[in-house]
């Protein structure tokens, strides 16, 4: 896969360029600067990482916990984050169920 520009990635993944820049700012998504080229570009490894981030965000995992998962490649960290997220979703479902009874 060739290096892609920020606008190509933005369009391909339906993510704003502002979001991509924010992910880079907080250390989640590395970009590469090409010589004599002013725009951010992304290598295949960064694109795969973005896919992981998008999937984890769809699972409602906060960015701080996504950073923990991506920094620690062991599955224990990911499993603990998933367990916590599931517990939070269970609590929310219980609250919504209670509300819907009224």
C-alpha atoms as a PDB file:
ATOM      1  CA  UNK A   1       0.000   0.000   0.000  1.00  0.00           C
ATOM      2  CA  UNK A   2       1.258   3.436  -0.844  1.00  0.00           C
ATOM      3  CA  UNK A   3       1.448   6.417   1.466  1.00  0.00           C
ATOM      4  CA  UNK A   4      -1.882   8.232   1.646  1.00  0.00           C
ATOM      5  CA  UNK A   5      -2.647  11.879   2.361  1.00  0.00           C
ATOM      6  CA  UNK A   6      -4.773  13.092   5.223  1.00  0.00           C
ATOM      7  CA  UNK A   7      -7.616  13.956   2.834  1.00  0.00           C
ATOM      8  CA  UNK A   8      -7.537  10.476   1.264  1.00  0.00           C
ATOM      9  CA  UNK A   9      -7.696   8.849   4.708  1.00  0.00           C
ATOM     10  CA  UNK A  10     -10.426  11.242   5.806  1.00  0.00           C
ATOM     11  CA  UNK A  11     -12.596  10.344   2.819  1.00  0.00           C
ATOM     12  CA  UNK A  12     -11.857   6.614   2.941  1.00  0.00           C
ATOM     13  CA  UNK A  13     -12.798   6.261   6.609  1.00  0.00           C
ATOM     14  CA  UNK A  14     -15.377   9.053   6.839  1.00  0.00           C
ATOM     15  CA  UNK A  15     -13.373  10.731   9.590  1.00  0.00           C
ATOM     16  CA  UNK A  16     -12.722  14.461   9.663  1.00  0.00           C
ATOM     17  CA  UNK A  17      -9.207  15.755   9.115  1.00  0.00           C
ATOM     18  CA  UNK A  18      -9.572  17.542  12.434  1.00  0.00           C
ATOM     19  CA  UNK A  19     -10.155  14.187  14.155  1.00  0.00           C
ATOM     20  CA  UNK A  20      -7.092  12.718  12.451  1.00  0.00           C
ATOM     21  CA  UNK A  21      -4.967  15.653  13.573  1.00  0.00           C
ATOM     22  CA  UNK A  22      -6.323  15.269  17.121  1.00  0.00           C
ATOM     23  CA  UNK A  23      -5.500  11.552  17.153  1.00  0.00           C
ATOM     24  CA  UNK A  24      -1.969  12.478  16.102  1.00  0.00           C
ATOM     25  CA  UNK A  25      -1.747  15.213  18.743  1.00  0.00           C
ATOM     26  CA  UNK A  26      -2.648  12.812  21.569  1.00  0.00           C
ATOM     27  CA  UNK A  27      -0.268  10.149  20.261  1.00  0.00           C
ATOM     28  CA  UNK A  28      -2.767   7.636  18.869  1.00  0.00           C
ATOM     29  CA  UNK A  29      -2.026   7.965  15.168  1.00  0.00           C
ATOM     30  CA  UNK A  30       1.416   8.689  13.726  1.00  0.00           C
ATOM     31  CA  UNK A  31       1.783  10.553  10.452  1.00  0.00           C
ATOM     32  CA  UNK A  32       4.766  10.880   8.154  1.00  0.00           C
ATOM     33  CA  UNK A  33       6.054  14.082   6.610  1.00  0.00           C
ATOM     34  CA  UNK A  34       7.178  13.669   3.029  1.00  0.00           C
ATOM     35  CA  UNK A  35      10.010  15.872   1.862  1.00  0.00           C
ATOM     36  CA  UNK A  36       8.762  19.052   0.137  1.00  0.00           C
ATOM     37  CA  UNK A  37       5.162  18.165   0.979  1.00  0.00           C
ATOM     38  CA  UNK A  38       3.170  20.237   3.453  1.00  0.00           C
ATOM     39  CA  UNK A  39       0.371  17.778   4.223  1.00  0.00           C
ATOM     40  CA  UNK A  40       0.246  14.873   6.655  1.00  0.00           C
ATOM     41  CA  UNK A  41       0.596  11.446   5.113  1.00  0.00           C
ATOM     42  CA  UNK A  42      -0.004   7.997   6.519  1.00  0.00           C
ATOM     43  CA  UNK A  43       1.736   4.676   5.973  1.00  0.00           C
ATOM     44  CA  UNK A  44      -0.048   1.322   5.917  1.00  0.00           C
ATOM     45  CA  UNK A  45       0.725   0.672   9.588  1.00  0.00           C
ATOM     46  CA  UNK A  46      -0.987   3.943  10.574  1.00  0.00           C
ATOM     47  CA  UNK A  47      -4.003   3.084   8.423  1.00  0.00           C
ATOM     48  CA  UNK A  48      -4.358  -0.269  10.187  1.00  0.00           C
ATOM     49  CA  UNK A  49      -4.058   1.496  13.529  1.00  0.00           C
ATOM     50  CA  UNK A  50      -6.792   3.932  12.493  1.00  0.00           C
ATOM     51  CA  UNK A  51      -9.039   0.976  11.665  1.00  0.00           C
ATOM     52  CA  UNK A  52      -8.465  -0.358  15.184  1.00  0.00           C
ATOM     53  CA  UNK A  53      -9.242   3.043  16.697  1.00  0.00           C
ATOM     54  CA  UNK A  54     -12.466   3.339  14.688  1.00  0.00           C
ATOM     55  CA  UNK A  55     -13.630  -0.128  15.741  1.00  0.00           C
ATOM     56  CA  UNK A  56     -12.851   0.571  19.396  1.00  0.00           C
ATOM     57  CA  UNK A  57     -14.678   3.922  19.227  1.00  0.00           C
ATOM     58  CA  UNK A  58     -17.730   2.148  17.765  1.00  0.00           C
ATOM     59  CA  UNK A  59     -17.579  -0.105  20.821  1.00  0.00           C
ATOM     60  CA  UNK A  60     -17.773   3.115  22.860  1.00  0.00           C
ATOM     61  CA  UNK A  61     -14.274   2.739  24.270  1.00  0.00           C
ATOM     62  CA  UNK A  62     -12.897   6.154  25.397  1.00  0.00           C
ATOM     63  CA  UNK A  63      -9.753   7.446  23.690  1.00  0.00           C
ATOM     64  CA  UNK A  64      -7.742   7.220  26.909  1.00  0.00           C
ATOM     65  CA  UNK A  65      -8.492   3.504  27.153  1.00  0.00           C
ATOM     66  CA  UNK A  66      -7.835   3.036  23.433  1.00  0.00           C
ATOM     67  CA  UNK A  67      -4.377   4.496  24.026  1.00  0.00           C
ATOM     68  CA  UNK A  68      -3.818   1.941  26.807  1.00  0.00           C
ATOM     69  CA  UNK A  69      -4.889  -0.912  24.539  1.00  0.00           C
ATOM     70  CA  UNK A  70      -2.669   0.217  21.669  1.00  0.00           C
ATOM     71  CA  UNK A  71       0.348   0.846  23.912  1.00  0.00           C
ATOM     72  CA  UNK A  72       0.106  -2.538  25.626  1.00  0.00           C
ATOM     73  CA  UNK A  73       0.043  -5.251  23.036  1.00  0.00           C
ATOM     74  CA  UNK A  74      -0.887  -7.899  25.582  1.00  0.00           C
ATOM     75  CA  UNK A  75      -4.464  -9.079  25.542  1.00  0.00           C
ATOM     76  CA  UNK A  76      -4.893  -8.651  29.295  1.00  0.00           C
ATOM     77  CA  UNK A  77      -5.147  -4.860  28.969  1.00  0.00           C
ATOM     78  CA  UNK A  78      -7.657  -5.091  26.126  1.00  0.00           C
ATOM     79  CA  UNK A  79      -9.786  -7.634  27.978  1.00  0.00           C
ATOM     80  CA  UNK A  80      -9.855  -5.469  31.116  1.00  0.00           C
ATOM     81  CA  UNK A  81     -10.923  -2.417  29.102  1.00  0.00           C
ATOM     82  CA  UNK A  82     -13.641  -4.466  27.373  1.00  0.00           C
ATOM     83  CA  UNK A  83     -14.918  -5.783  30.709  1.00  0.00           C
ATOM     84  CA  UNK A  84     -15.146  -2.266  32.103  1.00  0.00           C
ATOM     85  CA  UNK A  85     -16.927  -1.054  28.975  1.00  0.00           C
ATOM     86  CA  UNK A  86     -19.409  -3.934  29.126  1.00  0.00           C
ATOM     87  CA  UNK A  87     -20.125  -3.156  32.779  1.00  0.00           C
ATOM     88  CA  UNK A  88     -20.787   0.487  31.910  1.00  0.00           C
ATOM     89  CA  UNK A  89     -23.116  -0.536  29.074  1.00  0.00           C
ATOM     90  CA  UNK A  90     -24.936  -2.955  31.405  1.00  0.00           C
ATOM     91  CA  UNK A  91     -25.423  -0.127  33.919  1.00  0.00           C
ATOM     92  CA  UNK A  92     -26.754   2.129  31.176  1.00  0.00           C
ATOM     93  CA  UNK A  93     -29.147  -0.578  29.952  1.00  0.00           C
ATOM     94  CA  UNK A  94     -30.444  -1.071  33.496  1.00  0.00           C
ATOM     95  CA  UNK A  95     -30.998   2.684  33.896  1.00  0.00           C
ATOM     96  CA  UNK A  96     -32.774   2.931  30.546  1.00  0.00           C
ATOM     97  CA  UNK A  97     -34.942  -0.054  31.391  1.00  0.00           C
ATOM     98  CA  UNK A  98     -35.915   1.559  34.672  1.00  0.00           C
ATOM     99  CA  UNK A  99     -36.766   4.809  32.939  1.00  0.00           C
ATOM    100  CA  UNK A 100     -38.846   3.083  30.257  1.00  0.00           C
ATOM    101  CA  UNK A 101     -41.080   1.492  32.904  1.00  0.00           C
ATOM    102  CA  UNK A 102     -42.401   4.899  33.941  1.00  0.00           C
END
